[in-house]
Amino acid sequence: MAEFLTWKALLTFAGAVAATKYLTEGWKRLFGISGRAVLAAATVTGVALTVGAGLATGVRSAADVVLLALNGVIAAQAATGLNEQMVGPKQHLSEEQ
């Protein structure tokens, strides 16, 4: 891979998505939430995980914290499958429209 996207960065992001997914599933069962509340819970969880991990590892600049928060939002969208929620289930090419 290129210098821009290293294996370490890719695996770190995958871990953030997985942790966000599992914690959100736990919140769903624990609090009985559904619909948009799940998206909100996932977003809060993803941002808390990424910003918390960054602060725990020594990130202190405001710009880095903003980037961590944006990564948390993206991790939450990936964890909740936001793309499929917005555009609907995938349609196979063999199916007529």
C-alpha atoms as a PDB file:
ATOM      1  CA  MET A   1       0.000   0.000   0.000  1.00  0.00           C
ATOM      2  CA  ALA A   2       1.005   3.580  -0.433  1.00  0.00           C
ATOM      3  CA  GLU A   3       2.419   5.714   2.361  1.00  0.00           C
ATOM      4  CA  PHE A   4      -0.942   7.506   2.687  1.00  0.00           C
ATOM      5  CA  LEU A   5      -2.844   4.395   3.786  1.00  0.00           C
ATOM      6  CA  THR A   6      -0.714   1.991   5.756  1.00  0.00           C
ATOM      7  CA  TRP A   7      -1.745  -1.437   7.009  1.00  0.00           C
ATOM      8  CA  LYS A   8      -1.508  -0.104  10.555  1.00  0.00           C
ATOM      9  CA  ALA A   9      -3.971   2.708   9.792  1.00  0.00           C
ATOM     10  CA  LEU A  10      -6.327   0.383   7.941  1.00  0.00           C
ATOM     11  CA  LEU A  11      -6.393  -2.166  10.766  1.00  0.00           C
ATOM     12  CA  THR A  12      -6.851   0.590  13.346  1.00  0.00           C
ATOM     13  CA  PHE A  13      -9.877   1.890  11.461  1.00  0.00           C
ATOM     14  CA  ALA A  14     -11.254  -1.630  11.080  1.00  0.00           C
ATOM     15  CA  GLY A  15     -10.918  -2.078  14.838  1.00  0.00           C
ATOM     16  CA  ALA A  16     -12.784   1.171  15.463  1.00  0.00           C
ATOM     17  CA  VAL A  17     -15.603   0.056  13.153  1.00  0.00           C
ATOM     18  CA  ALA A  18     -15.824  -3.363  14.823  1.00  0.00           C
ATOM     19  CA  ALA A  19     -15.814  -1.903  18.344  1.00  0.00           C
ATOM     20  CA  THR A  20     -18.461   0.644  17.358  1.00  0.00           C
ATOM     21  CA  LYS A  21     -20.610  -2.095  15.831  1.00  0.00           C
ATOM     22  CA  TYR A  22     -20.425  -4.390  18.867  1.00  0.00           C
ATOM     23  CA  LEU A  23     -21.023  -1.612  21.382  1.00  0.00           C
ATOM     24  CA  THR A  24     -23.966  -0.274  19.368  1.00  0.00           C
ATOM     25  CA  GLU A  25     -25.503  -3.748  19.246  1.00  0.00           C
ATOM     26  CA  GLY A  26     -25.117  -3.865  23.016  1.00  0.00           C
ATOM     27  CA  TRP A  27     -26.834  -0.483  23.421  1.00  0.00           C
ATOM     28  CA  LYS A  28     -29.675  -1.702  21.187  1.00  0.00           C
ATOM     29  CA  ARG A  29     -30.297  -4.737  23.366  1.00  0.00           C
ATOM     30  CA  LEU A  30     -29.703  -2.997  26.668  1.00  0.00           C
ATOM     31  CA  PHE A  31     -31.870   0.054  26.019  1.00  0.00           C
ATOM     32  CA  GLY A  32     -34.212  -1.318  23.339  1.00  0.00           C
ATOM     33  CA  ILE A  33     -33.437   1.429  20.843  1.00  0.00           C
ATOM     34  CA  SER A  34     -34.187   1.324  17.125  1.00  0.00           C
ATOM     35  CA  GLY A  35     -34.339   3.532  14.052  1.00  0.00           C
ATOM     36  CA  ARG A  36     -32.547   6.857  14.183  1.00  0.00           C
ATOM     37  CA  ALA A  37     -31.664   6.360  17.832  1.00  0.00           C
ATOM     38  CA  VAL A  38     -29.349   3.539  16.730  1.00  0.00           C
ATOM     39  CA  LEU A  39     -27.562   5.895  14.339  1.00  0.00           C
ATOM     40  CA  ALA A  40     -27.194   8.473  17.098  1.00  0.00           C
ATOM     41  CA  ALA A  41     -25.886   5.874  19.556  1.00  0.00           C
ATOM     42  CA  ALA A  42     -23.410   4.583  16.978  1.00  0.00           C
ATOM     43  CA  THR A  43     -22.198   8.097  16.209  1.00  0.00           C
ATOM     44  CA  VAL A  44     -21.673   8.954  19.874  1.00  0.00           C
ATOM     45  CA  THR A  45     -19.946   5.615  20.436  1.00  0.00           C
ATOM     46  CA  GLY A  46     -17.673   5.960  17.394  1.00  0.00           C
ATOM     47  CA  VAL A  47     -16.636   9.509  18.253  1.00  0.00           C
ATOM     48  CA  ALA A  48     -16.077   8.616  21.910  1.00  0.00           C
ATOM     49  CA  LEU A  49     -13.910   5.634  20.947  1.00  0.00           C
ATOM     50  CA  THR A  50     -11.722   7.452  18.435  1.00  0.00           C
ATOM     51  CA  VAL A  51     -11.317  10.673  20.421  1.00  0.00           C
ATOM     52  CA  GLY A  52     -10.808   8.757  23.661  1.00  0.00           C
ATOM     53  CA  ALA A  53      -8.173   6.517  22.100  1.00  0.00           C
ATOM     54  CA  GLY A  54      -6.424   9.538  20.613  1.00  0.00           C
ATOM     55  CA  LEU A  55      -6.363  11.420  23.902  1.00  0.00           C
ATOM     56  CA  ALA A  56      -5.154   8.301  25.717  1.00  0.00           C
ATOM     57  CA  THR A  57      -2.228   7.976  23.313  1.00  0.00           C
ATOM     58  CA  GLY A  58      -1.100  11.585  23.587  1.00  0.00           C
ATOM     59  CA  VAL A  59      -3.013  13.525  20.936  1.00  0.00           C
ATOM     60  CA  ARG A  60      -3.428  17.079  22.174  1.00  0.00           C
ATOM     61  CA  SER A  61      -3.862  19.441  19.208  1.00  0.00           C
ATOM     62  CA  ALA A  62      -7.352  20.653  18.339  1.00  0.00           C
ATOM     63  CA  ALA A  63      -6.908  19.776  14.663  1.00  0.00           C
ATOM     64  CA  ASP A  64      -6.082  16.174  15.521  1.00  0.00           C
ATOM     65  CA  VAL A  65      -9.086  15.898  17.831  1.00  0.00           C
ATOM     66  CA  VAL A  66     -11.352  17.187  15.034  1.00  0.00           C
ATOM     67  CA  LEU A  67      -9.920  14.593  12.637  1.00  0.00           C
ATOM     68  CA  LEU A  68     -10.414  11.873  15.243  1.00  0.00           C
ATOM     69  CA  ALA A  69     -14.042  12.938  15.673  1.00  0.00           C
ATOM     70  CA  LEU A  70     -14.596  12.825  11.903  1.00  0.00           C
ATOM     71  CA  ASN A  71     -13.058   9.357  11.806  1.00  0.00           C
ATOM     72  CA  GLY A  72     -15.451   8.362  14.583  1.00  0.00           C
ATOM     73  CA  VAL A  73     -18.424   9.522  12.513  1.00  0.00           C
ATOM     74  CA  ILE A  74     -17.154   7.578   9.505  1.00  0.00           C
ATOM     75  CA  ALA A  75     -16.598   4.482  11.678  1.00  0.00           C
ATOM     76  CA  ALA A  76     -20.174   4.794  12.959  1.00  0.00           C
ATOM     77  CA  GLN A  77     -21.531   5.040   9.416  1.00  0.00           C
ATOM     78  CA  ALA A  78     -19.577   1.969   8.404  1.00  0.00           C
ATOM     79  CA  ALA A  79     -20.699   0.094  11.522  1.00  0.00           C
ATOM     80  CA  THR A  80     -24.386   0.794  10.945  1.00  0.00           C
ATOM     81  CA  GLY A  81     -24.311   0.221   7.209  1.00  0.00           C
ATOM     82  CA  LEU A  82     -25.534   3.760   6.583  1.00  0.00           C
ATOM     83  CA  ASN A  83     -25.075   3.460   2.835  1.00  0.00           C
ATOM     84  CA  GLU A  84     -27.549   0.591   2.569  1.00  0.00           C
ATOM     85  CA  GLN A  85     -29.965   2.357   4.872  1.00  0.00           C
ATOM     86  CA  MET A  86     -29.918   5.407   2.600  1.00  0.00           C
ATOM     87  CA  VAL A  87     -30.102   3.732  -0.814  1.00  0.00           C
ATOM     88  CA  GLY A  88     -31.813   0.464   0.094  1.00  0.00           C
ATOM     89  CA  PRO A  89     -30.637  -3.107  -0.353  1.00  0.00           C
ATOM     90  CA  LYS A  90     -28.320  -3.974  -3.198  1.00  0.00           C
ATOM     91  CA  GLN A  91     -29.939  -5.046  -6.416  1.00  0.00           C
ATOM     92  CA  HIS A  92     -28.255  -7.680  -8.537  1.00  0.00           C
ATOM     93  CA  LEU A  93     -27.520  -6.891 -12.159  1.00  0.00           C
ATOM     94  CA  SER A  94     -29.575  -9.879 -13.242  1.00  0.00           C
ATOM     95  CA  GLU A  95     -32.731  -8.419 -11.691  1.00  0.00           C
ATOM     96  CA  GLU A  96     -34.817  -6.177 -13.868  1.00  0.00           C
ATOM     97  CA  GLN A  97     -35.632  -2.726 -12.612  1.00  0.00           C
END
